[in-house]
Amino acid sequence: MVRLPLTPAEVERGQRLGALLRRARGERSMLDTALDAGVSPETLRKIESGRVATPAFPTIAAIADVLGLSLDAVWAEINQPDGEVEPTRPARTARERLAS
């Protein structure tokens, strides 16, 4: 299967997604986040670094759920030009949400 090269806009959006997930993860370890989301730590690392600019929807949905992010908020933030990104507060973990 041949993958088409990503457009500059797709690469930029992937970088914004990675930055959003890093901020939302906060002090939580990458390993715990990845395992709770059911993805490999290497996959999460690649997404956060922008190396995987167009991850699969179920992957992002699982990570967003673990980090307490709505998919609407993720979509809105990664589609804003760089100067307009609003900071995302660290989210409670799935375990913290269940405990409350």
Protein backbone atom coordinates (compact mmCIF):
# COMPACT_ATOMS: atom_id res chain seq x y z
CA MET A 1 0.00 0.00 0.00
CA VAL A 2 1.35 3.37 -0.99
CA ARG A 3 0.84 6.28 1.38
CA LEU A 4 0.48 9.70 -0.12
CA PRO A 5 2.76 12.36 1.35
CA LEU A 6 1.12 14.46 4.03
CA THR A 7 0.28 18.03 3.26
CA PRO A 8 1.92 20.77 5.33
CA ALA A 9 -1.49 21.40 6.95
CA GLU A 10 -1.76 17.73 8.01
CA VAL A 11 1.75 17.79 9.46
CA GLU A 12 0.96 20.98 11.39
CA ARG A 13 -2.32 19.55 12.68
CA GLY A 14 -0.44 16.42 13.83
CA GLN A 15 2.02 18.58 15.72
CA ARG A 16 -0.84 20.46 17.42
CA LEU A 17 -2.46 17.13 18.35
CA GLY A 18 0.78 15.91 19.90
CA ALA A 19 1.21 19.11 21.89
CA LEU A 20 -2.39 18.93 23.10
CA LEU A 21 -1.98 15.35 24.30
CA ARG A 22 1.33 16.14 26.06
CA ARG A 23 -0.29 19.09 27.89
CA ALA A 24 -3.35 17.06 28.83
CA ARG A 25 -1.20 14.18 30.08
CA GLY A 26 0.62 16.57 32.41
CA GLU A 27 2.68 14.72 34.99
CA ARG A 28 1.08 11.38 34.21
CA SER A 29 3.54 8.89 32.73
CA MET A 30 3.43 8.06 29.06
CA LEU A 31 3.49 4.36 29.93
CA ASP A 32 0.43 4.54 32.20
CA THR A 33 -1.47 6.66 29.71
CA ALA A 34 -0.69 4.35 26.81
CA LEU A 35 -1.55 1.18 28.70
CA ASP A 36 -4.81 2.63 30.02
CA ALA A 37 -5.73 3.63 26.44
CA GLY A 38 -4.81 0.22 25.05
CA VAL A 39 -2.08 1.52 22.76
CA SER A 40 1.63 0.94 22.83
CA PRO A 41 3.84 3.51 24.54
CA GLU A 42 5.74 3.79 21.23
CA THR A 43 2.53 4.73 19.41
CA LEU A 44 1.73 7.40 21.99
CA ARG A 45 5.30 8.72 21.80
CA LYS A 46 5.08 8.99 18.01
CA ILE A 47 1.73 10.78 18.17
CA GLU A 48 2.94 13.20 20.84
CA SER A 49 6.10 13.97 18.88
CA GLY A 50 4.15 14.56 15.67
CA ARG A 51 5.80 11.65 13.84
CA VAL A 52 2.36 10.09 13.33
CA ALA A 53 0.43 13.10 12.10
CA THR A 54 -2.74 11.23 11.14
CA PRO A 55 -3.36 8.55 13.77
CA ALA A 56 -6.41 6.29 13.53
CA PHE A 57 -9.62 7.66 15.01
CA PRO A 58 -10.05 4.80 17.55
CA THR A 59 -6.52 5.45 18.81
CA ILE A 60 -7.19 9.15 19.41
CA ALA A 61 -10.61 8.38 20.90
CA ALA A 62 -9.07 5.95 23.40
CA ILE A 63 -6.27 8.35 24.40
CA ALA A 64 -8.68 11.29 24.69
CA ASP A 65 -10.98 9.22 26.92
CA VAL A 66 -8.13 8.28 29.25
CA LEU A 67 -7.07 11.94 29.45
CA GLY A 68 -10.62 13.17 29.99
CA LEU A 69 -10.71 15.13 26.74
CA SER A 70 -13.82 15.37 24.61
CA LEU A 71 -13.32 14.63 20.95
CA ASP A 72 -15.07 17.90 20.14
CA ALA A 73 -12.46 19.80 22.16
CA VAL A 74 -9.61 17.88 20.53
CA TRP A 75 -10.96 18.59 17.05
CA ALA A 76 -11.53 22.27 17.79
CA GLU A 77 -8.06 22.76 19.23
CA ILE A 78 -6.07 20.96 16.56
CA ASN A 79 -7.85 22.88 13.80
CA GLN A 80 -7.05 26.36 15.17
CA PRO A 81 -4.15 28.34 13.74
CA ASP A 82 -1.10 28.34 16.04
CA GLY A 83 -1.73 31.72 17.62
CA GLU A 84 -5.28 30.86 18.64
CA VAL A 85 -4.78 27.69 20.67
CA GLU A 86 -6.39 27.87 24.08
CA PRO A 87 -4.57 26.01 26.86
CA THR A 88 -6.11 22.72 27.92
CA ARG A 89 -6.28 22.09 31.62
CA PRO A 90 -4.87 18.77 32.82
CA ALA A 91 -7.70 16.30 32.87
CA ARG A 92 -8.60 13.81 35.54
CA THR A 93 -7.68 10.24 34.75
CA ALA A 94 -10.34 7.64 34.03
CA ARG A 95 -9.68 6.18 37.48
CA GLU A 96 -10.13 9.58 39.12
CA ARG A 97 -13.41 10.10 37.27
CA LEU A 98 -14.69 6.69 38.39
CA ALA A 99 -13.69 7.39 41.99
CA SER A 100 -15.71 10.60 42.17
